[in-house]
Amino acid sequence: MDGMYDYMSQISTQMTGMYDYLGKMTTQMSTLQVTVNEMRDEFRSFSGRYMHVTVTSDYHNASNTNEENVDEGERGQE
């Protein structure tokens, strides 16, 4: 009977260790999720700024080109 008690006690200790391990893993996963969310938000804000600059400069270049074309067209009509 003592052997059975020792065996059950050992299993109980292992289960407690496993529970602690799972608790640590859960904490690590939560930390990882927070880090991933922060990286995603940082990327979105970075890409938002970059895309804004890109779109603005493309629009600006396009409007410059159009103005130049209009000028050349007016010169041709004169």
PDB file of N, CA and C in Angstrom:
ATOM      1  N   MET A   1       0.822  -1.199   0.000  1.00  0.00           N
ATOM      2  CA  MET A   1       0.000   0.000   0.000  1.00  0.00           C
ATOM      3  C   MET A   1       0.865   1.263   0.000  1.00  0.00           C
ATOM      4  N   ASP A   2       1.996   1.200   0.694  1.00  0.00           N
ATOM      5  CA  ASP A   2       2.883   2.365   0.711  1.00  0.00           C
ATOM      6  C   ASP A   2       3.386   2.663  -0.699  1.00  0.00           C
ATOM      7  N   GLY A   3       3.660   1.603  -1.478  1.00  0.00           N
ATOM      8  CA  GLY A   3       4.122   1.779  -2.845  1.00  0.00           C
ATOM      9  C   GLY A   3       3.077   2.484  -3.683  1.00  0.00           C
ATOM     10  N   MET A   4       1.820   2.104  -3.483  1.00  0.00           N
ATOM     11  CA  MET A   4       0.714   2.720  -4.201  1.00  0.00           C
ATOM     12  C   MET A   4       0.595   4.196  -3.825  1.00  0.00           C
ATOM     13  N   TYR A   5       0.741   4.502  -2.544  1.00  0.00           N
ATOM     14  CA  TYR A   5       0.657   5.885  -2.077  1.00  0.00           C
ATOM     15  C   TYR A   5       1.800   6.707  -2.665  1.00  0.00           C
ATOM     16  N   ASP A   6       3.009   6.117  -2.672  1.00  0.00           N
ATOM     17  CA  ASP A   6       4.158   6.824  -3.250  1.00  0.00           C
ATOM     18  C   ASP A   6       3.941   7.083  -4.742  1.00  0.00           C
ATOM     19  N   TYR A   7       3.398   6.086  -5.406  1.00  0.00           N
ATOM     20  CA  TYR A   7       3.144   6.217  -6.841  1.00  0.00           C
ATOM     21  C   TYR A   7       2.128   7.331  -7.109  1.00  0.00           C
ATOM     22  N   MET A   8       1.041   7.338  -6.331  1.00  0.00           N
ATOM     23  CA  MET A   8       0.018   8.379  -6.506  1.00  0.00           C
ATOM     24  C   MET A   8       0.593   9.752  -6.162  1.00  0.00           C
ATOM     25  N   SER A   9       1.434   9.806  -5.160  1.00  0.00           N
ATOM     26  CA  SER A   9       2.059  11.066  -4.766  1.00  0.00           C
ATOM     27  C   SER A   9       2.979  11.566  -5.877  1.00  0.00           C
ATOM     28  N   GLN A  10       3.702  10.634  -6.492  1.00  0.00           N
ATOM     29  CA  GLN A  10       4.601  10.993  -7.598  1.00  0.00           C
ATOM     30  C   GLN A  10       3.802  11.518  -8.790  1.00  0.00           C
ATOM     31  N   ILE A  11       2.696  10.860  -9.110  1.00  0.00           N
ATOM     32  CA  ILE A  11       1.843  11.318 -10.213  1.00  0.00           C
ATOM     33  C   ILE A  11       1.282  12.701  -9.884  1.00  0.00           C
ATOM     34  N   SER A  12       0.877  12.905  -8.646  1.00  0.00           N
ATOM     35  CA  SER A  12       0.338  14.197  -8.240  1.00  0.00           C
ATOM     36  C   SER A  12       1.401  15.287  -8.405  1.00  0.00           C
ATOM     37  N   THR A  13       2.641  14.966  -8.013  1.00  0.00           N
ATOM     38  CA  THR A  13       3.740  15.927  -8.167  1.00  0.00           C
ATOM     39  C   THR A  13       3.983  16.226  -9.643  1.00  0.00           C
ATOM     40  N   GLN A  14       3.951  15.194 -10.480  1.00  0.00           N
ATOM     41  CA  GLN A  14       4.152  15.385 -11.915  1.00  0.00           C
ATOM     42  C   GLN A  14       3.028  16.231 -12.510  1.00  0.00           C
ATOM     43  N   MET A  15       1.806  15.986 -12.058  1.00  0.00           N
ATOM     44  CA  MET A  15       0.671  16.760 -12.563  1.00  0.00           C
ATOM     45  C   MET A  15       0.805  18.232 -12.154  1.00  0.00           C
ATOM     46  N   THR A  16       1.259  18.456 -10.923  1.00  0.00           N
ATOM     47  CA  THR A  16       1.461  19.838 -10.469  1.00  0.00           C
ATOM     48  C   THR A  16       2.544  20.501 -11.301  1.00  0.00           C
ATOM     49  N   GLY A  17       3.624  19.766 -11.584  1.00  0.00           N
ATOM     50  CA  GLY A  17       4.698  20.297 -12.420  1.00  0.00           C
ATOM     51  C   GLY A  17       4.198  20.618 -13.817  1.00  0.00           C
ATOM     52  N   MET A  18       3.376  19.740 -14.366  1.00  0.00           N
ATOM     53  CA  MET A  18       2.815  19.942 -15.698  1.00  0.00           C
ATOM     54  C   MET A  18       1.902  21.162 -15.690  1.00  0.00           C
ATOM     55  N   TYR A  19       1.108  21.309 -14.623  1.00  0.00           N
ATOM     56  CA  TYR A  19       0.211  22.463 -14.512  1.00  0.00           C
ATOM     57  C   TYR A  19       1.024  23.762 -14.464  1.00  0.00           C
ATOM     58  N   ASP A  20       2.106  23.755 -13.682  1.00  0.00           N
ATOM     59  CA  ASP A  20       2.971  24.943 -13.609  1.00  0.00           C
ATOM     60  C   ASP A  20       3.576  25.236 -14.978  1.00  0.00           C
ATOM     61  N   TYR A  21       4.031  24.183 -15.656  1.00  0.00           N
ATOM     62  CA  TYR A  21       4.632  24.343 -16.978  1.00  0.00           C
ATOM     63  C   TYR A  21       3.619  24.942 -17.954  1.00  0.00           C
ATOM     64  N   LEU A  22       2.391  24.422 -17.928  1.00  0.00           N
ATOM     65  CA  LEU A  22       1.351  24.952 -18.818  1.00  0.00           C
ATOM     66  C   LEU A  22       1.036  26.406 -18.470  1.00  0.00           C
ATOM     67  N   GLY A  23       1.061  26.738 -17.191  1.00  0.00           N
ATOM     68  CA  GLY A  23       0.832  28.118 -16.768  1.00  0.00           C
ATOM     69  C   GLY A  23       1.908  29.035 -17.323  1.00  0.00           C
ATOM     70  N   LYS A  24       3.158  28.581 -17.281  1.00  0.00           N
ATOM     71  CA  LYS A  24       4.260  29.381 -17.829  1.00  0.00           C
ATOM     72  C   LYS A  24       4.123  29.522 -19.347  1.00  0.00           C
ATOM     73  N   MET A  25       3.751  28.427 -20.005  1.00  0.00           N
ATOM     74  CA  MET A  25       3.575  28.474 -21.456  1.00  0.00           C
ATOM     75  C   MET A  25       2.453  29.451 -21.836  1.00  0.00           C
ATOM     76  N   THR A  26       1.368  29.434 -21.071  1.00  0.00           N
ATOM     77  CA  THR A  26       0.250  30.344 -21.329  1.00  0.00           C
ATOM     78  C   THR A  26       0.713  31.783 -21.191  1.00  0.00           C
ATOM     79  N   THR A  27       1.497  32.059 -20.146  1.00  0.00           N
ATOM     80  CA  THR A  27       2.019  33.415 -19.941  1.00  0.00           C
ATOM     81  C   THR A  27       2.917  33.809 -21.101  1.00  0.00           C
ATOM     82  N   GLN A  28       3.776  32.892 -21.548  1.00  0.00           N
ATOM     83  CA  GLN A  28       4.671  33.192 -22.668  1.00  0.00           C
ATOM     84  C   GLN A  28       3.875  33.436 -23.944  1.00  0.00           C
ATOM     85  N   MET A  29       2.839  32.648 -24.168  1.00  0.00           N
ATOM     86  CA  MET A  29       2.025  32.828 -25.366  1.00  0.00           C
ATOM     87  C   MET A  29       1.299  34.170 -25.325  1.00  0.00           C
ATOM     88  N   SER A  30       0.818  34.565 -24.146  1.00  0.00           N
ATOM     89  CA  SER A  30       0.150  35.865 -24.019  1.00  0.00           C
ATOM     90  C   SER A  30       1.134  36.980 -24.320  1.00  0.00           C
ATOM     91  N   THR A  31       2.352  36.854 -23.806  1.00  0.00           N
ATOM     92  CA  THR A  31       3.380  37.857 -24.064  1.00  0.00           C
ATOM     93  C   THR A  31       3.706  37.913 -25.547  1.00  0.00           C
ATOM     94  N   LEU A  32       3.818  36.760 -26.181  1.00  0.00           N
ATOM     95  CA  LEU A  32       4.094  36.698 -27.615  1.00  0.00           C
ATOM     96  C   LEU A  32       2.968  37.353 -28.407  1.00  0.00           C
ATOM     97  N   GLN A  33       1.721  37.093 -28.005  1.00  0.00           N
ATOM     98  CA  GLN A  33       0.571  37.681 -28.703  1.00  0.00           C
ATOM     99  C   GLN A  33       0.604  39.199 -28.598  1.00  0.00           C
ATOM    100  N   VAL A  34       0.936  39.702 -27.404  1.00  0.00           N
ATOM    101  CA  VAL A  34       1.020  41.161 -27.222  1.00  0.00           C
ATOM    102  C   VAL A  34       2.122  41.720 -28.122  1.00  0.00           C
ATOM    103  N   THR A  35       3.272  41.024 -28.177  1.00  0.00           N
ATOM    104  CA  THR A  35       4.386  41.478 -29.014  1.00  0.00           C
ATOM    105  C   THR A  35       3.987  41.485 -30.486  1.00  0.00           C
ATOM    106  N   VAL A  36       3.320  40.424 -30.925  1.00  0.00           N
ATOM    107  CA  VAL A  36       2.872  40.348 -32.324  1.00  0.00           C
ATOM    108  C   VAL A  36       1.891  41.477 -32.624  1.00  0.00           C
ATOM    109  N   ASN A  37       0.972  41.742 -31.702  1.00  0.00           N
ATOM    110  CA  ASN A  37       0.002  42.835 -31.911  1.00  0.00           C
ATOM    111  C   ASN A  37       0.716  44.172 -32.004  1.00  0.00           C
ATOM    112  N   GLU A  38       1.720  44.392 -31.140  1.00  0.00           N
ATOM    113  CA  GLU A  38       2.468  45.647 -31.186  1.00  0.00           C
ATOM    114  C   GLU A  38       3.210  45.776 -32.513  1.00  0.00           C
ATOM    115  N   MET A  39       3.819  44.684 -32.970  1.00  0.00           N
ATOM    116  CA  MET A  39       4.549  44.718 -34.240  1.00  0.00           C
ATOM    117  C   MET A  39       3.581  45.002 -35.396  1.00  0.00           C
ATOM    118  N   ARG A  40       2.413  44.374 -35.352  1.00  0.00           N
ATOM    119  CA  ARG A  40       1.421  44.590 -36.416  1.00  0.00           C
ATOM    120  C   ARG A  40       0.979  46.047 -36.435  1.00  0.00           C
ATOM    121  N   ASP A  41       0.697  46.596 -35.256  1.00  0.00           N
ATOM    122  CA  ASP A  41       0.271  47.998 -35.192  1.00  0.00           C
ATOM    123  C   ASP A  41       1.376  48.918 -35.680  1.00  0.00           C
ATOM    124  N   GLU A  42       2.621  48.605 -35.293  1.00  0.00           N
ATOM    125  CA  GLU A  42       3.757  49.423 -35.721  1.00  0.00           C
ATOM    126  C   GLU A  42       3.896  49.356 -37.244  1.00  0.00           C
ATOM    127  N   PHE A  43       3.749  48.162 -37.801  1.00  0.00           N
ATOM    128  CA  PHE A  43       3.860  47.993 -39.255  1.00  0.00           C
ATOM    129  C   PHE A  43       2.752  48.756 -39.968  1.00  0.00           C
ATOM    130  N   ARG A  44       1.531  48.666 -39.422  1.00  0.00           N
ATOM    131  CA  ARG A  44       0.411  49.372 -40.050  1.00  0.00           C
ATOM    132  C   ARG A  44       0.660  50.871 -40.043  1.00  0.00           C
ATOM    133  N   SER A  45       1.160  51.384 -38.923  1.00  0.00           N
ATOM    134  CA  SER A  45       1.374  52.828 -38.870  1.00  0.00           C
ATOM    135  C   SER A  45       2.524  53.206 -39.797  1.00  0.00           C
ATOM    136  N   PHE A  46       3.552  52.367 -39.862  1.00  0.00           N
ATOM    137  CA  PHE A  46       4.672  52.640 -40.764  1.00  0.00           C
ATOM    138  C   PHE A  46       4.217  52.576 -42.217  1.00  0.00           C
ATOM    139  N   SER A  47       3.507  51.490 -42.565  1.00  0.00           N
ATOM    140  CA  SER A  47       3.070  51.340 -43.957  1.00  0.00           C
ATOM    141  C   SER A  47       2.053  52.408 -44.306  1.00  0.00           C
ATOM    142  N   GLY A  48       1.242  52.827 -43.346  1.00  0.00           N
ATOM    143  CA  GLY A  48       0.292  53.900 -43.600  1.00  0.00           C
ATOM    144  C   GLY A  48       1.010  55.192 -43.940  1.00  0.00           C
ATOM    145  N   ARG A  49       2.062  55.496 -43.177  1.00  0.00           N
ATOM    146  CA  ARG A  49       2.825  56.704 -43.464  1.00  0.00           C
ATOM    147  C   ARG A  49       3.521  56.574 -44.810  1.00  0.00           C
ATOM    148  N   TYR A  50       4.112  55.415 -45.072  1.00  0.00           N
ATOM    149  CA  TYR A  50       4.854  55.201 -46.315  1.00  0.00           C
ATOM    150  C   TYR A  50       3.920  55.282 -47.520  1.00  0.00           C
ATOM    151  N   MET A  51       2.778  54.620 -47.403  1.00  0.00           N
ATOM    152  CA  MET A  51       1.830  54.633 -48.513  1.00  0.00           C
ATOM    153  C   MET A  51       1.303  56.050 -48.741  1.00  0.00           C
ATOM    154  N   HIS A  52       1.075  56.777 -47.686  1.00  0.00           N
ATOM    155  CA  HIS A  52       0.602  58.156 -47.825  1.00  0.00           C
ATOM    156  C   HIS A  52       1.619  58.981 -48.606  1.00  0.00           C
ATOM    157  N   VAL A  53       2.892  58.828 -48.238  1.00  0.00           N
ATOM    158  CA  VAL A  53       3.953  59.568 -48.931  1.00  0.00           C
ATOM    159  C   VAL A  53       4.012  59.132 -50.388  1.00  0.00           C
ATOM    160  N   THR A  54       3.937  57.821 -50.632  1.00  0.00           N
ATOM    161  CA  THR A  54       4.021  57.308 -51.995  1.00  0.00           C
ATOM    162  C   THR A  54       2.866  57.814 -52.844  1.00  0.00           C
ATOM    163  N   VAL A  55       1.654  57.702 -52.314  1.00  0.00           N
ATOM    164  CA  VAL A  55       0.478  58.134 -53.077  1.00  0.00           C
ATOM    165  C   VAL A  55       0.555  59.635 -53.327  1.00  0.00           C
ATOM    166  N   THR A  56       0.945  60.390 -52.305  1.00  0.00           N
ATOM    167  CA  THR A  56       1.023  61.839 -52.456  1.00  0.00           C
ATOM    168  C   THR A  56       2.047  62.200 -53.523  1.00  0.00           C
ATOM    169  N   SER A  57       3.225  61.569 -53.472  1.00  0.00           N
ATOM    170  CA  SER A  57       4.258  61.919 -54.448  1.00  0.00           C
ATOM    171  C   SER A  57       3.840  61.479 -55.850  1.00  0.00           C
ATOM    172  N   ASP A  58       3.187  60.333 -55.989  1.00  0.00           N
ATOM    173  CA  ASP A  58       2.709  59.898 -57.306  1.00  0.00           C
ATOM    174  C   ASP A  58       1.669  60.873 -57.831  1.00  0.00           C
ATOM    175  N   TYR A  59       0.781  61.306 -56.987  1.00  0.00           N
ATOM    176  CA  TYR A  59      -0.249  62.255 -57.402  1.00  0.00           C
ATOM    177  C   TYR A  59       0.403  63.575 -57.815  1.00  0.00           C
ATOM    178  N   HIS A  60       1.369  64.003 -57.026  1.00  0.00           N
ATOM    179  CA  HIS A  60       2.066  65.253 -57.310  1.00  0.00           C
ATOM    180  C   HIS A  60       2.797  65.152 -58.658  1.00  0.00           C
ATOM    181  N   ASN A  61       3.479  64.022 -58.862  1.00  0.00           N
ATOM    182  CA  ASN A  61       4.189  63.830 -60.127  1.00  0.00           C
ATOM    183  C   ASN A  61       3.213  63.802 -61.300  1.00  0.00           C
ATOM    184  N   ALA A  62       2.090  63.149 -61.097  1.00  0.00           N
ATOM    185  CA  ALA A  62       1.103  63.061 -62.173  1.00  0.00           C
ATOM    186  C   ALA A  62       0.554  64.448 -62.488  1.00  0.00           C
ATOM    187  N   SER A  63       0.284  65.241 -61.458  1.00  0.00           N
ATOM    188  CA  SER A  63      -0.263  66.566 -61.733  1.00  0.00           C
ATOM    189  C   SER A  63       0.799  67.453 -62.375  1.00  0.00           C
ATOM    190  N   ASN A  64       2.058  67.292 -62.000  1.00  0.00           N
ATOM    191  CA  ASN A  64       3.121  68.049 -62.671  1.00  0.00           C
ATOM    192  C   ASN A  64       3.185  67.681 -64.150  1.00  0.00           C
ATOM    193  N   THR A  65       3.108  66.388 -64.426  1.00  0.00           N
ATOM    194  CA  THR A  65       3.166  65.916 -65.806  1.00  0.00           C
ATOM    195  C   THR A  65       1.998  66.492 -66.600  1.00  0.00           C
ATOM    196  N   ASN A  66       0.812  66.485 -66.001  1.00  0.00           N
ATOM    197  CA  ASN A  66      -0.363  67.019 -66.697  1.00  0.00           C
ATOM    198  C   ASN A  66      -0.195  68.507 -66.988  1.00  0.00           C
ATOM    199  N   GLU A  67       0.346  69.238 -66.013  1.00  0.00           N
ATOM    200  CA  GLU A  67       0.548  70.672 -66.239  1.00  0.00           C
ATOM    201  C   GLU A  67       1.534  70.904 -67.379  1.00  0.00           C
ATOM    202  N   GLU A  68       2.596  70.089 -67.391  1.00  0.00           N
ATOM    203  CA  GLU A  68       3.582  70.229 -68.466  1.00  0.00           C
ATOM    204  C   GLU A  68       2.948  69.920 -69.814  1.00  0.00           C
ATOM    205  N   ASN A  69       2.103  68.879 -69.857  1.00  0.00           N
ATOM    206  CA  ASN A  69       1.439  68.527 -71.113  1.00  0.00           C
ATOM    207  C   ASN A  69       0.502  69.640 -71.556  1.00  0.00           C
ATOM    208  N   VAL A  70      -0.193  70.217 -70.614  1.00  0.00           N
ATOM    209  CA  VAL A  70      -1.111  71.309 -70.962  1.00  0.00           C
ATOM    210  C   VAL A  70      -0.315  72.479 -71.508  1.00  0.00           C
ATOM    211  N   ASP A  71       0.814  72.793 -70.850  1.00  0.00           N
ATOM    212  CA  ASP A  71       1.643  73.904 -71.324  1.00  0.00           C
ATOM    213  C   ASP A  71       2.107  73.658 -72.759  1.00  0.00           C
ATOM    214  N   GLU A  72       2.566  72.442 -73.014  1.00  0.00           N
ATOM    215  CA  GLU A  72       3.044  72.126 -74.372  1.00  0.00           C
ATOM    216  C   GLU A  72       1.899  72.201 -75.367  1.00  0.00           C
ATOM    217  N   GLY A  73       0.715  71.777 -74.958  1.00  0.00           N
ATOM    218  CA  GLY A  73      -0.449  71.828 -75.837  1.00  0.00           C
ATOM    219  C   GLY A  73      -0.818  73.267 -76.161  1.00  0.00           C
ATOM    220  N   GLU A  74      -0.755  74.122 -75.158  1.00  0.00           N
ATOM    221  CA  GLU A  74      -1.075  75.536 -75.394  1.00  0.00           C
ATOM    222  C   GLU A  74      -0.042  76.168 -76.319  1.00  0.00           C
ATOM    223  N   ARG A  75       1.220  75.777 -76.122  1.00  0.00           N
ATOM    224  CA  ARG A  75       2.278  76.312 -76.996  1.00  0.00           C
ATOM    225  C   ARG A  75       2.034  75.881 -78.443  1.00  0.00           C
ATOM    226  N   GLY A  76       1.590  74.637 -78.610  1.00  0.00           N
ATOM    227  CA  GLY A  76       1.352  74.136 -79.952  1.00  0.00           C
ATOM    228  C   GLY A  76       0.206  74.858 -80.619  1.00  0.00           C
ATOM    229  N   GLN A  77      -0.806  75.271 -79.844  1.00  0.00           N
ATOM    230  CA  GLN A  77      -1.959  75.964 -80.414  1.00  0.00           C
ATOM    231  C   GLN A  77      -1.623  77.392 -80.814  1.00  0.00           C
ATOM    232  N   GLU A  78      -0.653  78.005 -80.109  1.00  0.00           N
ATOM    233  CA  GLU A  78      -0.302  79.399 -80.406  1.00  0.00           C
ATOM    234  C   GLU A  78       0.428  79.459 -81.677  1.00  0.00           C
TER     235      GLU A  78
END
